[in-house]
Amino acid sequence: MATSGSPEWTARALLFSGRPDPTWPVPKSAATEVHALWAALDPWSGAPSAAPPLGYRGCILRAPDGREWMAFGGAVTLTTPEGVEVRSDVERALERRLLNTAPPNLLPPLEF
């Protein structure tokens, strides 16, 4: 676990309305794997699918420097101070890898 003041990678599953979503630290090794998956993805064409108003709405990986990857529905969006980039993840490999970093029993069973 990171010590006070040390930056860490964090993930969050967007699940709930009206209560906090599950958030957990992500080991740097897993974050590196997610970043490698991102680097291998092709650009997305068109607008990403809209998430439903209730239920599972995707997952987010936040880097210590503030970059955020949001994965849902076969698209991954990277948001940085420089802008936004969307890539295609039809197999949802990045999304699954990130969700698999959650501690046991933190997330309900997810189907997609």
C-alpha atoms as a PDB file:
ATOM      1  CA  MET A   1       0.000   0.000   0.000  1.00  0.00           C
ATOM      2  CA  ALA A   2       1.176   3.504  -0.713  1.00  0.00           C
ATOM      3  CA  THR A   3       2.390   5.642   2.106  1.00  0.00           C
ATOM      4  CA  SER A   4       0.822   8.960   2.946  1.00  0.00           C
ATOM      5  CA  GLY A   5       1.601  11.464   0.237  1.00  0.00           C
ATOM      6  CA  SER A   6       2.826   8.926  -2.322  1.00  0.00           C
ATOM      7  CA  PRO A   7       0.852   8.880  -5.571  1.00  0.00           C
ATOM      8  CA  GLU A   8      -0.859   5.682  -6.608  1.00  0.00           C
ATOM      9  CA  TRP A   9      -2.932   4.327  -9.442  1.00  0.00           C
ATOM     10  CA  THR A  10      -6.607   3.913  -8.555  1.00  0.00           C
ATOM     11  CA  ALA A  11      -9.592   2.265 -10.190  1.00  0.00           C
ATOM     12  CA  ARG A  12     -13.298   2.807  -9.771  1.00  0.00           C
ATOM     13  CA  ALA A  13     -16.235   0.774 -11.040  1.00  0.00           C
ATOM     14  CA  LEU A  14     -19.221   2.932 -11.932  1.00  0.00           C
ATOM     15  CA  LEU A  15     -22.040   0.912 -10.382  1.00  0.00           C
ATOM     16  CA  PHE A  16     -24.228   2.838  -8.018  1.00  0.00           C
ATOM     17  CA  SER A  17     -26.593   5.757  -7.920  1.00  0.00           C
ATOM     18  CA  GLY A  18     -26.842   7.462  -4.567  1.00  0.00           C
ATOM     19  CA  ARG A  19     -23.915   5.763  -2.858  1.00  0.00           C
ATOM     20  CA  PRO A  20     -20.160   5.687  -3.428  1.00  0.00           C
ATOM     21  CA  ASP A  21     -18.803   3.519  -6.226  1.00  0.00           C
ATOM     22  CA  PRO A  22     -16.161   0.908  -5.315  1.00  0.00           C
ATOM     23  CA  THR A  23     -12.639   2.321  -5.564  1.00  0.00           C
ATOM     24  CA  TRP A  24      -9.369   0.461  -5.053  1.00  0.00           C
ATOM     25  CA  PRO A  25      -5.622   0.910  -5.536  1.00  0.00           C
ATOM     26  CA  VAL A  26      -4.144  -0.693  -8.642  1.00  0.00           C
ATOM     27  CA  PRO A  27      -0.639  -2.178  -8.492  1.00  0.00           C
ATOM     28  CA  LYS A  28       1.796  -0.404 -10.798  1.00  0.00           C
ATOM     29  CA  SER A  29       2.432  -3.690 -12.644  1.00  0.00           C
ATOM     30  CA  ALA A  30      -1.274  -4.025 -13.493  1.00  0.00           C
ATOM     31  CA  ALA A  31      -1.474  -0.351 -14.471  1.00  0.00           C
ATOM     32  CA  THR A  32       1.456  -0.959 -16.826  1.00  0.00           C
ATOM     33  CA  GLU A  33      -0.461  -3.872 -18.402  1.00  0.00           C
ATOM     34  CA  VAL A  34      -3.546  -1.695 -18.857  1.00  0.00           C
ATOM     35  CA  HIS A  35      -1.398   1.024 -20.448  1.00  0.00           C
ATOM     36  CA  ALA A  36       0.098  -1.559 -22.842  1.00  0.00           C
ATOM     37  CA  LEU A  37      -3.398  -2.711 -23.808  1.00  0.00           C
ATOM     38  CA  TRP A  38      -4.336   0.936 -24.468  1.00  0.00           C
ATOM     39  CA  ALA A  39      -1.287   1.427 -26.686  1.00  0.00           C
ATOM     40  CA  ALA A  40      -2.322  -1.554 -28.842  1.00  0.00           C
ATOM     41  CA  LEU A  41      -5.916  -0.383 -29.423  1.00  0.00           C
ATOM     42  CA  ASP A  42      -7.083   1.077 -32.722  1.00  0.00           C
ATOM     43  CA  PRO A  43      -8.718   4.508 -32.934  1.00  0.00           C
ATOM     44  CA  TRP A  44     -12.469   4.567 -32.359  1.00  0.00           C
ATOM     45  CA  SER A  45     -14.709   5.866 -35.128  1.00  0.00           C
ATOM     46  CA  GLY A  46     -17.974   7.514 -34.242  1.00  0.00           C
ATOM     47  CA  ALA A  47     -19.383   8.312 -30.826  1.00  0.00           C
ATOM     48  CA  PRO A  48     -18.905   5.849 -27.949  1.00  0.00           C
ATOM     49  CA  SER A  49     -22.023   4.052 -26.672  1.00  0.00           C
ATOM     50  CA  ALA A  50     -23.884   5.884 -23.963  1.00  0.00           C
ATOM     51  CA  ALA A  51     -23.933   4.147 -20.594  1.00  0.00           C
ATOM     52  CA  PRO A  52     -27.299   3.317 -19.040  1.00  0.00           C
ATOM     53  CA  PRO A  53     -28.541   5.589 -16.239  1.00  0.00           C
ATOM     54  CA  LEU A  54     -28.544   2.694 -13.734  1.00  0.00           C
ATOM     55  CA  GLY A  55     -26.375  -0.372 -13.221  1.00  0.00           C
ATOM     56  CA  TYR A  56     -22.840  -0.902 -14.486  1.00  0.00           C
ATOM     57  CA  ARG A  57     -21.615   2.136 -16.421  1.00  0.00           C
ATOM     58  CA  GLY A  58     -17.951   1.297 -16.938  1.00  0.00           C
ATOM     59  CA  CYS A  59     -14.689   1.554 -15.034  1.00  0.00           C
ATOM     60  CA  ILE A  60     -12.005   4.185 -14.644  1.00  0.00           C
ATOM     61  CA  LEU A  61      -8.252   3.985 -14.137  1.00  0.00           C
ATOM     62  CA  ARG A  62      -6.698   7.148 -12.721  1.00  0.00           C
ATOM     63  CA  ALA A  63      -2.930   7.681 -12.971  1.00  0.00           C
ATOM     64  CA  PRO A  64      -0.957   9.590 -10.327  1.00  0.00           C
ATOM     65  CA  ASP A  65      -0.503  12.426 -12.864  1.00  0.00           C
ATOM     66  CA  GLY A  66      -4.285  12.794 -13.334  1.00  0.00           C
ATOM     67  CA  ARG A  67      -4.747  10.965 -16.656  1.00  0.00           C
ATOM     68  CA  GLU A  68      -7.959   8.911 -16.722  1.00  0.00           C
ATOM     69  CA  TRP A  69      -8.941   5.954 -18.867  1.00  0.00           C
ATOM     70  CA  MET A  70     -12.680   5.209 -18.899  1.00  0.00           C
ATOM     71  CA  ALA A  71     -13.741   1.878 -20.398  1.00  0.00           C
ATOM     72  CA  PHE A  72     -17.291   0.930 -21.320  1.00  0.00           C
ATOM     73  CA  GLY A  73     -19.089  -0.815 -24.150  1.00  0.00           C
ATOM     74  CA  GLY A  74     -16.078  -1.563 -26.313  1.00  0.00           C
ATOM     75  CA  ALA A  75     -14.602   1.947 -26.193  1.00  0.00           C
ATOM     76  CA  VAL A  76     -11.854   3.377 -23.993  1.00  0.00           C
ATOM     77  CA  THR A  77     -11.578   7.124 -23.507  1.00  0.00           C
ATOM     78  CA  LEU A  78      -8.328   8.694 -22.305  1.00  0.00           C
ATOM     79  CA  THR A  79      -8.701  12.151 -20.795  1.00  0.00           C
ATOM     80  CA  THR A  80      -5.598  14.296 -20.242  1.00  0.00           C
ATOM     81  CA  PRO A  81      -5.002  18.031 -19.850  1.00  0.00           C
ATOM     82  CA  GLU A  82      -4.168  18.024 -23.581  1.00  0.00           C
ATOM     83  CA  GLY A  83      -7.519  16.565 -24.621  1.00  0.00           C
ATOM     84  CA  VAL A  84      -9.538  13.403 -25.131  1.00  0.00           C
ATOM     85  CA  GLU A  85      -8.775  10.347 -27.259  1.00  0.00           C
ATOM     86  CA  VAL A  86     -11.077   7.369 -27.833  1.00  0.00           C
ATOM     87  CA  ARG A  87      -9.942   3.917 -28.933  1.00  0.00           C
ATOM     88  CA  SER A  88     -11.779   0.720 -29.820  1.00  0.00           C
ATOM     89  CA  ASP A  89     -11.708  -2.248 -27.421  1.00  0.00           C
ATOM     90  CA  VAL A  90     -14.354  -4.488 -28.989  1.00  0.00           C
ATOM     91  CA  GLU A  91     -13.186  -7.494 -26.966  1.00  0.00           C
ATOM     92  CA  ARG A  92     -13.226  -5.315 -23.819  1.00  0.00           C
ATOM     93  CA  ALA A  93      -9.792  -6.668 -22.849  1.00  0.00           C
ATOM     94  CA  LEU A  94      -8.685  -3.445 -21.155  1.00  0.00           C
ATOM     95  CA  GLU A  95     -11.975  -3.151 -19.262  1.00  0.00           C
ATOM     96  CA  ARG A  96     -11.778  -6.767 -18.059  1.00  0.00           C
ATOM     97  CA  ARG A  97      -8.120  -6.431 -17.038  1.00  0.00           C
ATOM     98  CA  LEU A  98      -8.849  -3.337 -14.992  1.00  0.00           C
ATOM     99  CA  LEU A  99     -11.873  -4.911 -13.279  1.00  0.00           C
ATOM    100  CA  ASN A 100      -9.757  -7.979 -12.481  1.00  0.00           C
ATOM    101  CA  THR A 101      -7.499  -5.796 -10.311  1.00  0.00           C
ATOM    102  CA  ALA A 102     -10.341  -5.320  -7.802  1.00  0.00           C
ATOM    103  CA  PRO A 103      -9.921  -7.065  -4.448  1.00  0.00           C
ATOM    104  CA  PRO A 104     -12.017 -10.223  -4.000  1.00  0.00           C
ATOM    105  CA  ASN A 105     -15.696  -9.615  -3.181  1.00  0.00           C
ATOM    106  CA  LEU A 106     -15.491  -5.843  -3.780  1.00  0.00           C
ATOM    107  CA  LEU A 107     -17.543  -5.966  -6.997  1.00  0.00           C
ATOM    108  CA  PRO A 108     -20.764  -7.826  -7.707  1.00  0.00           C
ATOM    109  CA  PRO A 109     -20.699 -10.280 -10.618  1.00  0.00           C
ATOM    110  CA  LEU A 110     -20.643  -8.248 -13.836  1.00  0.00           C
ATOM    111  CA  GLU A 111     -21.956  -9.476 -17.174  1.00  0.00           C
ATOM    112  CA  PHE A 112     -21.095  -7.853 -20.479  1.00  0.00           C
END
